[in-house]
Amino acid sequence: MRRVCLQTSATGKPGDKEALHRYRVAKEDNLHKCLLLMEAFRAIRRTMPLQQAYVFLLVALEEGCSVSEYAKRAGTTQAVMTRILFALSSRSHGRQPGYGLVQQVIDPQDGRRTETFLTVRGKALVHEMVRLIRTDRQRAMKLSKSTMAEKSPRDLERDQWLSRLIETGRKLAANDVQLVVRQVEALIGHRQSKRPAVRREHRADFVD
């Protein structure tokens, strides 16, 4: 982020500003999605630790794994993962009751191995997360469409032309860019030189 800002302030090119704007929009969108997920967890319990929320997402992504498998994915010990899964289930050993989001069952093929699955409440939490993200995405799309609708067709055509011009300019060498600039300046000068002649012709016709 800091590097992008320094480059933009140093060059001041439209392409740099456009890239910085896209970066900021994407960053705000991703951070907003993270906040939506956090709000869903806070609805379960406002003081829910981040490590417990992280493990819940691991279970939601792939159910039926053992404690050691989840511990390996989270980069923690099996003892720590056992305590977290206990907290996420309804059998917490702490003062507060468990969240009731996951349940552990014994593997029918290996009695020493336990598998973790989402409970009905855990699945409801996942559905709520998906709903929040989809609703936010639809809101963003409606906002984008309303912003586009406020622009006139001439403004939209101008923006598209500028975008194509910027994209083409990135592919040209420095000498090619200077040549294009000189040609555009010559074209503008030619058009401006023709306007007074046309006006004089109109005036002569009016006098006759």
Protein backbone atom coordinates (compact mmCIF):
# COMPACT_ATOMS: atom_id res chain seq x y z
CA MET A 1 0.00 0.00 0.00
CA ARG A 2 2.75 2.42 0.94
CA ARG A 3 4.74 1.55 -2.17
CA VAL A 4 1.72 2.14 -4.43
CA CYS A 5 1.07 5.54 -2.84
CA LEU A 6 4.67 6.61 -3.33
CA GLN A 7 4.62 5.62 -6.99
CA THR A 8 1.38 7.45 -7.62
CA SER A 9 2.55 10.63 -5.94
CA ALA A 10 5.81 10.50 -7.85
CA THR A 11 4.48 9.82 -11.35
CA GLY A 12 0.94 11.17 -11.12
CA LYS A 13 -0.10 9.04 -14.11
CA PRO A 14 -3.83 8.36 -14.62
CA GLY A 15 -3.11 4.63 -14.78
CA ASP A 16 -1.47 4.71 -11.35
CA LYS A 17 -4.42 6.60 -9.86
CA GLU A 18 -6.87 4.17 -11.45
CA ALA A 19 -4.96 1.18 -10.07
CA LEU A 20 -4.81 2.77 -6.62
CA HIS A 21 -8.56 3.42 -6.73
CA ARG A 22 -9.27 -0.22 -7.66
CA TYR A 23 -6.98 -1.36 -4.83
CA ARG A 24 -8.78 0.81 -2.28
CA VAL A 25 -12.22 -0.37 -3.44
CA ALA A 26 -11.15 -4.03 -3.27
CA LYS A 27 -9.56 -3.53 0.14
CA GLU A 28 -12.66 -1.87 1.58
CA ASP A 29 -14.87 -4.59 0.10
CA ASN A 30 -12.77 -7.40 1.61
CA LEU A 31 -12.54 -5.70 4.99
CA HIS A 32 -16.30 -5.16 4.99
CA LYS A 33 -16.82 -8.88 4.34
CA CYS A 34 -14.52 -9.67 7.28
CA LEU A 35 -16.58 -7.40 9.50
CA LEU A 36 -19.76 -9.15 8.40
CA LEU A 37 -18.27 -12.50 9.43
CA MET A 38 -17.19 -11.07 12.77
CA GLU A 39 -20.68 -9.72 13.36
CA ALA A 40 -22.11 -13.19 12.75
CA PHE A 41 -19.78 -14.63 15.40
CA ARG A 42 -20.55 -11.77 17.80
CA ALA A 43 -24.23 -12.63 17.46
CA ILE A 44 -23.40 -16.01 19.00
CA ARG A 45 -21.30 -14.49 21.78
CA ARG A 46 -19.81 -11.00 21.85
CA THR A 47 -16.60 -12.20 23.54
CA MET A 48 -15.89 -15.11 21.23
CA PRO A 49 -12.09 -15.44 20.79
CA LEU A 50 -10.67 -15.21 17.29
CA GLN A 51 -8.97 -18.63 17.49
CA GLN A 52 -12.33 -20.28 18.15
CA ALA A 53 -13.92 -18.50 15.20
CA TYR A 54 -11.00 -19.62 13.04
CA VAL A 55 -11.34 -23.27 14.04
CA PHE A 56 -15.09 -23.14 13.42
CA LEU A 57 -14.39 -22.03 9.85
CA LEU A 58 -11.91 -24.90 9.46
CA VAL A 59 -14.60 -27.36 10.51
CA ALA A 60 -17.17 -25.71 8.26
CA LEU A 61 -14.82 -26.00 5.27
CA GLU A 62 -14.28 -29.72 5.84
CA GLU A 63 -16.23 -31.70 8.40
CA GLY A 64 -15.33 -35.14 9.71
CA CYS A 65 -11.64 -34.58 10.44
CA SER A 66 -9.88 -35.65 13.62
CA VAL A 67 -8.52 -33.37 16.33
CA SER A 68 -4.94 -33.90 15.16
CA GLU A 69 -5.86 -33.02 11.57
CA TYR A 70 -7.48 -29.74 12.59
CA ALA A 71 -4.53 -28.98 14.88
CA LYS A 72 -2.12 -29.47 11.98
CA ARG A 73 -4.13 -27.14 9.74
CA ALA A 74 -4.35 -24.47 12.43
CA GLY A 75 -0.65 -24.77 13.29
CA THR A 76 -1.27 -25.56 16.95
CA THR A 77 -0.96 -28.50 19.32
CA GLN A 78 -3.50 -31.27 19.70
CA ALA A 79 -4.12 -30.27 23.33
CA VAL A 80 -4.99 -26.69 22.36
CA MET A 81 -7.24 -27.88 19.54
CA THR A 82 -9.04 -30.21 21.95
CA ARG A 83 -9.87 -27.28 24.25
CA ILE A 84 -11.08 -25.15 21.33
CA LEU A 85 -13.34 -27.89 19.98
CA PHE A 86 -14.71 -28.44 23.48
CA ALA A 87 -15.53 -24.73 23.65
CA LEU A 88 -17.25 -24.85 20.26
CA SER A 89 -19.31 -27.84 21.33
CA SER A 90 -21.79 -28.02 24.17
CA ARG A 91 -19.29 -29.67 26.54
CA SER A 92 -17.04 -26.76 27.41
CA HIS A 93 -14.92 -27.26 30.53
CA GLY A 94 -14.90 -23.54 31.33
CA ARG A 95 -17.30 -21.47 33.37
CA GLN A 96 -19.40 -20.53 30.36
CA PRO A 97 -21.38 -23.18 28.49
CA GLY A 98 -20.20 -24.29 25.06
CA TYR A 99 -21.41 -22.66 21.86
CA GLY A 100 -23.15 -25.77 20.57
CA LEU A 101 -21.75 -25.20 17.08
CA VAL A 102 -19.91 -28.51 16.60
CA GLN A 103 -20.22 -32.06 17.84
CA GLN A 104 -17.68 -34.85 18.10
CA VAL A 105 -18.53 -38.43 17.34
CA ILE A 106 -16.43 -41.59 17.55
CA ASP A 107 -15.19 -42.99 14.26
CA PRO A 108 -17.09 -46.29 13.74
CA GLN A 109 -14.00 -47.81 12.11
CA ASP A 110 -11.53 -46.60 14.75
CA GLY A 111 -12.76 -46.22 18.33
CA ARG A 112 -9.69 -44.15 19.29
CA ARG A 113 -10.45 -41.49 16.70
CA THR A 114 -13.10 -38.76 17.03
CA GLU A 115 -14.59 -36.83 14.12
CA THR A 116 -16.00 -33.30 14.31
CA PHE A 117 -19.15 -32.14 12.53
CA LEU A 118 -21.33 -29.04 12.57
CA THR A 119 -24.49 -29.11 14.63
CA VAL A 120 -27.79 -27.68 13.46
CA ARG A 121 -26.83 -24.40 15.12
CA GLY A 122 -23.42 -24.47 13.42
CA LYS A 123 -24.98 -25.01 10.00
CA ALA A 124 -27.39 -22.16 10.67
CA LEU A 125 -24.43 -19.89 11.44
CA VAL A 126 -22.77 -20.84 8.14
CA HIS A 127 -25.99 -20.09 6.24
CA GLU A 128 -26.21 -16.72 7.99
CA MET A 129 -22.63 -15.87 6.96
CA VAL A 130 -23.35 -16.77 3.34
CA ARG A 131 -26.55 -14.72 3.42
CA LEU A 132 -24.76 -11.66 4.80
CA ILE A 133 -22.06 -11.81 2.14
CA ARG A 134 -24.56 -12.32 -0.69
CA THR A 135 -26.73 -9.47 0.57
CA ASP A 136 -23.71 -7.19 0.76
CA ARG A 137 -22.66 -8.21 -2.77
CA GLN A 138 -26.13 -7.44 -4.11
CA ARG A 139 -26.06 -4.08 -2.32
CA ALA A 140 -22.72 -3.26 -3.93
CA MET A 141 -24.03 -4.24 -7.37
CA LYS A 142 -27.13 -2.07 -6.95
CA LEU A 143 -24.96 0.84 -5.83
CA SER A 144 -22.71 0.39 -8.84
CA LYS A 145 -25.69 0.28 -11.21
CA SER A 146 -27.21 3.39 -9.66
CA THR A 147 -23.91 5.22 -10.02
CA MET A 148 -23.69 4.21 -13.66
CA ALA A 149 -27.29 5.27 -14.24
CA GLU A 150 -26.55 8.76 -12.95
CA LYS A 151 -24.01 9.28 -15.74
CA SER A 152 -25.17 10.48 -19.14
CA PRO A 153 -24.42 8.37 -22.24
CA ARG A 154 -21.86 10.97 -23.27
CA ASP A 155 -20.06 10.65 -19.92
CA LEU A 156 -20.05 6.85 -20.18
CA GLU A 157 -18.67 7.02 -23.71
CA ARG A 158 -15.97 9.43 -22.56
CA ASP A 159 -14.99 7.19 -19.63
CA GLN A 160 -14.77 4.15 -21.89
CA TRP A 161 -12.67 6.08 -24.38
CA LEU A 162 -10.30 7.26 -21.66
CA SER A 163 -9.97 3.72 -20.30
CA ARG A 164 -9.08 2.39 -23.74
CA LEU A 165 -6.65 5.26 -24.26
CA ILE A 166 -4.91 4.56 -20.93
CA GLU A 167 -4.70 0.84 -21.65
CA THR A 168 -3.24 1.49 -25.10
CA GLY A 169 -0.76 4.02 -23.73
CA ARG A 170 0.67 1.41 -21.34
CA LYS A 171 1.65 -0.76 -24.31
CA LEU A 172 3.46 2.02 -26.20
CA ALA A 173 7.08 3.03 -25.88
CA ALA A 174 8.07 6.58 -24.91
CA ASN A 175 8.79 7.60 -28.53
CA ASP A 176 5.47 6.19 -29.69
CA VAL A 177 3.61 8.13 -26.99
CA GLN A 178 5.29 11.38 -28.06
CA LEU A 179 4.34 10.68 -31.68
CA VAL A 180 0.72 10.09 -30.75
CA VAL A 181 0.65 13.30 -28.70
CA ARG A 182 2.02 15.32 -31.64
CA GLN A 183 -0.55 13.80 -33.99
CA VAL A 184 -3.40 14.61 -31.61
CA GLU A 185 -2.12 18.17 -31.19
CA ALA A 186 -1.90 18.54 -34.97
CA LEU A 187 -5.45 17.24 -35.37
CA ILE A 188 -6.77 19.65 -32.74
CA GLY A 189 -4.91 22.55 -34.37
CA HIS A 190 -6.31 21.61 -37.76
CA ARG A 191 -9.88 21.55 -36.45
CA GLN A 192 -9.47 24.89 -34.70
CA SER A 193 -8.05 26.48 -37.83
CA LYS A 194 -11.10 25.41 -39.86
CA ARG A 195 -13.68 26.89 -37.46
CA PRO A 196 -13.10 30.63 -38.23
CA ALA A 197 -13.33 29.96 -41.99
CA VAL A 198 -16.68 28.29 -41.56
CA ARG A 199 -17.95 31.17 -39.45
CA ARG A 200 -16.82 33.71 -42.09
CA GLU A 201 -18.64 31.79 -44.80
CA HIS A 202 -21.84 31.90 -42.75
CA ARG A 203 -21.48 35.63 -42.19
CA ALA A 204 -20.92 36.24 -45.95
CA ASP A 205 -24.05 34.28 -46.83
CA PHE A 206 -26.01 36.33 -44.31
CA VAL A 207 -24.80 39.60 -45.80
CA ASP A 208 -25.69 38.58 -49.35
